[in-house]
């Protein structure tokens, strides 16, 4: 059962483009019928060698042009 959960963790991580951390992974495993806590989900993620990707901070890349009106 433990190895089965690790396999599910790997599948869920791959299908989500490695964006699930322990909170979302817990919800996904609970939906599959595996009652796990956040700490158990974190341990399973660590055991499966899965890393969640960090979101990049939004950066404005365009320059605001000053609008001068010649009156």
N, C-alpha and C. Protein backbone atom coordinates (compact mmCIF):
# COMPACT_ATOMS: atom_id res chain seq x y z
N UNK A 1 0.82 -1.19 0.00
CA UNK A 1 0.00 0.00 0.00
C UNK A 1 0.86 1.26 0.00
N UNK A 2 1.98 1.20 0.72
CA UNK A 2 2.88 2.35 0.78
C UNK A 2 3.49 2.64 -0.60
N UNK A 3 3.96 1.59 -1.25
CA UNK A 3 4.54 1.76 -2.59
C UNK A 3 3.48 2.22 -3.58
N UNK A 4 2.26 1.77 -3.39
CA UNK A 4 1.15 2.18 -4.25
C UNK A 4 0.91 3.68 -4.12
N UNK A 5 0.98 4.20 -2.90
CA UNK A 5 0.79 5.64 -2.69
C UNK A 5 1.94 6.44 -3.30
N UNK A 6 3.15 5.92 -3.20
CA UNK A 6 4.29 6.60 -3.80
C UNK A 6 4.13 6.67 -5.32
N UNK A 7 3.65 5.57 -5.91
CA UNK A 7 3.39 5.57 -7.36
C UNK A 7 2.33 6.60 -7.73
N UNK A 8 1.28 6.72 -6.90
CA UNK A 8 0.25 7.73 -7.16
C UNK A 8 0.82 9.13 -7.05
N UNK A 9 1.68 9.35 -6.07
CA UNK A 9 2.30 10.67 -5.89
C UNK A 9 3.09 11.04 -7.14
N UNK A 10 3.85 10.09 -7.67
CA UNK A 10 4.62 10.36 -8.89
C UNK A 10 3.71 10.66 -10.07
N UNK A 11 2.61 9.90 -10.20
CA UNK A 11 1.68 10.12 -11.31
C UNK A 11 0.99 11.47 -11.19
N UNK A 12 0.55 11.82 -9.99
CA UNK A 12 -0.13 13.10 -9.77
C UNK A 12 0.82 14.25 -10.05
N UNK A 13 2.05 14.14 -9.57
CA UNK A 13 3.04 15.20 -9.78
C UNK A 13 3.33 15.38 -11.27
N UNK A 14 3.47 14.28 -11.99
CA UNK A 14 3.76 14.38 -13.43
C UNK A 14 2.59 14.99 -14.18
N UNK A 15 1.36 14.59 -13.84
CA UNK A 15 0.20 15.11 -14.56
C UNK A 15 -0.07 16.57 -14.23
N UNK A 16 0.42 17.05 -13.08
CA UNK A 16 0.21 18.45 -12.72
C UNK A 16 1.42 19.32 -13.05
N UNK A 17 2.33 18.80 -13.83
CA UNK A 17 3.57 19.50 -14.19
C UNK A 17 4.36 19.90 -12.95
N UNK A 18 4.33 19.03 -11.95
CA UNK A 18 5.10 19.20 -10.72
C UNK A 18 4.74 20.50 -9.99
N UNK A 19 3.43 20.83 -9.98
CA UNK A 19 3.00 22.05 -9.30
C UNK A 19 2.29 21.77 -7.99
N UNK A 20 2.08 20.51 -7.63
CA UNK A 20 1.39 20.17 -6.38
C UNK A 20 2.39 20.06 -5.25
N UNK A 21 2.14 20.77 -4.16
CA UNK A 21 2.94 20.58 -2.95
C UNK A 21 2.13 19.72 -2.00
N UNK A 22 2.49 19.67 -0.73
CA UNK A 22 1.88 18.69 0.16
C UNK A 22 0.39 18.94 0.41
N UNK A 23 -0.07 20.19 0.42
CA UNK A 23 -1.50 20.46 0.67
C UNK A 23 -2.38 19.93 -0.46
N UNK A 24 -2.01 20.25 -1.69
CA UNK A 24 -2.81 19.79 -2.82
C UNK A 24 -2.65 18.29 -3.04
N UNK A 25 -1.46 17.77 -2.75
CA UNK A 25 -1.23 16.34 -2.89
C UNK A 25 -2.08 15.57 -1.87
N UNK A 26 -2.22 16.11 -0.68
CA UNK A 26 -3.07 15.51 0.35
C UNK A 26 -4.51 15.41 -0.15
N UNK A 27 -5.02 16.50 -0.72
CA UNK A 27 -6.39 16.49 -1.24
C UNK A 27 -6.56 15.49 -2.37
N UNK A 28 -5.56 15.40 -3.23
CA UNK A 28 -5.63 14.46 -4.35
C UNK A 28 -5.61 13.01 -3.86
N UNK A 29 -4.75 12.72 -2.89
CA UNK A 29 -4.69 11.36 -2.36
C UNK A 29 -5.96 11.01 -1.59
N UNK A 30 -6.51 11.97 -0.84
CA UNK A 30 -7.76 11.73 -0.14
C UNK A 30 -8.89 11.44 -1.13
N UNK A 31 -8.91 12.13 -2.26
CA UNK A 31 -9.93 11.91 -3.27
C UNK A 31 -9.80 10.52 -3.90
N UNK A 32 -8.58 9.99 -3.92
CA UNK A 32 -8.35 8.64 -4.46
C UNK A 32 -8.65 7.55 -3.44
N UNK A 33 -8.98 7.94 -2.21
CA UNK A 33 -9.33 6.95 -1.19
C UNK A 33 -8.21 6.62 -0.24
N UNK A 34 -7.15 7.41 -0.23
CA UNK A 34 -6.04 7.21 0.70
C UNK A 34 -6.12 8.30 1.77
N UNK A 35 -6.59 7.98 2.97
CA UNK A 35 -6.68 9.02 4.01
C UNK A 35 -5.30 9.33 4.59
N UNK A 36 -4.71 10.42 4.14
CA UNK A 36 -3.39 10.82 4.62
C UNK A 36 -3.46 12.25 5.15
N UNK A 37 -2.55 12.57 6.05
CA UNK A 37 -2.45 13.93 6.57
C UNK A 37 -1.44 14.71 5.71
N UNK A 38 -1.31 16.00 6.02
CA UNK A 38 -0.34 16.81 5.27
C UNK A 38 1.07 16.33 5.51
N UNK A 39 1.37 15.93 6.74
CA UNK A 39 2.72 15.45 7.04
C UNK A 39 3.02 14.15 6.31
N UNK A 40 2.04 13.26 6.24
CA UNK A 40 2.23 12.00 5.51
C UNK A 40 2.42 12.28 4.02
N UNK A 41 1.65 13.23 3.48
CA UNK A 41 1.80 13.60 2.07
C UNK A 41 3.19 14.17 1.83
N UNK A 42 3.68 14.98 2.77
CA UNK A 42 5.02 15.56 2.62
C UNK A 42 6.08 14.47 2.62
N UNK A 43 5.92 13.49 3.51
CA UNK A 43 6.88 12.38 3.57
C UNK A 43 6.85 11.54 2.30
N UNK A 44 5.64 11.31 1.76
CA UNK A 44 5.53 10.54 0.52
C UNK A 44 6.17 11.29 -0.64
N UNK A 45 5.97 12.60 -0.68
CA UNK A 45 6.58 13.41 -1.75
C UNK A 45 8.10 13.33 -1.66
N UNK A 46 8.61 13.42 -0.45
CA UNK A 46 10.06 13.35 -0.25
C UNK A 46 10.59 11.98 -0.64
N UNK A 47 9.85 10.93 -0.27
CA UNK A 47 10.27 9.57 -0.59
C UNK A 47 10.25 9.31 -2.09
N UNK A 48 9.30 9.94 -2.78
CA UNK A 48 9.18 9.75 -4.22
C UNK A 48 10.15 10.63 -5.00
N UNK A 49 10.94 11.43 -4.30
CA UNK A 49 11.90 12.36 -4.92
C UNK A 49 11.21 13.30 -5.91
N UNK A 50 10.10 13.86 -5.47
CA UNK A 50 9.33 14.81 -6.29
C UNK A 50 9.50 16.19 -5.69
N UNK A 51 9.81 17.15 -6.52
CA UNK A 51 9.95 18.54 -6.06
C UNK A 51 8.86 19.37 -6.72
N UNK A 52 8.18 20.18 -5.91
CA UNK A 52 7.18 21.09 -6.45
C UNK A 52 7.89 22.33 -6.96
N UNK A 53 7.51 22.77 -8.14
CA UNK A 53 8.13 23.96 -8.70
C UNK A 53 7.56 25.20 -8.03
N UNK A 54 8.43 26.17 -7.80
CA UNK A 54 8.00 27.44 -7.20
C UNK A 54 7.40 28.32 -8.28
N UNK A 55 6.38 29.06 -7.91
CA UNK A 55 5.81 30.02 -8.85
C UNK A 55 6.75 31.19 -8.98
N UNK A 56 6.86 31.71 -10.20
CA UNK A 56 7.70 32.87 -10.40
C UNK A 56 6.90 34.12 -10.05
N UNK A 57 7.59 35.08 -9.51
CA UNK A 57 6.95 36.33 -9.16
C UNK A 57 6.57 37.08 -10.42
N UNK A 58 5.38 37.67 -10.43
CA UNK A 58 4.94 38.44 -11.60
C UNK A 58 5.77 39.70 -11.71
N UNK A 59 6.31 39.92 -12.87
CA UNK A 59 7.11 41.12 -13.11
C UNK A 59 6.55 41.86 -14.30
N UNK A 60 6.41 43.14 -14.16
CA UNK A 60 5.95 43.97 -15.26
C UNK A 60 7.11 44.15 -16.22
N UNK A 61 6.88 43.82 -17.49
CA UNK A 61 7.97 43.90 -18.46
C UNK A 61 7.77 45.03 -19.46
N UNK A 62 6.65 45.69 -19.39
CA UNK A 62 6.41 46.80 -20.32
C UNK A 62 6.64 48.11 -19.60
N UNK A 63 7.05 49.09 -20.34
CA UNK A 63 7.29 50.43 -19.78
C UNK A 63 6.03 51.27 -19.95
N UNK A 64 5.66 51.99 -18.92
CA UNK A 64 4.51 52.86 -19.00
C UNK A 64 4.94 54.16 -19.68
N UNK A 65 4.21 54.54 -20.70
CA UNK A 65 4.55 55.76 -21.42
C UNK A 65 3.76 56.92 -20.81
N UNK A 66 4.44 58.03 -20.62
CA UNK A 66 3.74 59.18 -20.07
C UNK A 66 2.87 59.77 -21.17
N UNK A 67 1.67 60.13 -20.81
CA UNK A 67 0.72 60.68 -21.79
C UNK A 67 0.66 62.18 -21.62
N UNK A 68 1.38 62.86 -22.46
CA UNK A 68 1.37 64.33 -22.40
C UNK A 68 0.48 64.84 -23.50
N UNK A 69 -0.38 65.74 -23.12
CA UNK A 69 -1.29 66.32 -24.12
C UNK A 69 -0.87 67.76 -24.33
N UNK A 70 -0.64 68.12 -25.56
CA UNK A 70 -0.25 69.49 -25.88
C UNK A 70 -1.48 70.37 -26.03
N UNK A 71 -1.74 71.18 -25.03
CA UNK A 71 -2.93 72.06 -25.10
C UNK A 71 -2.50 73.47 -25.33
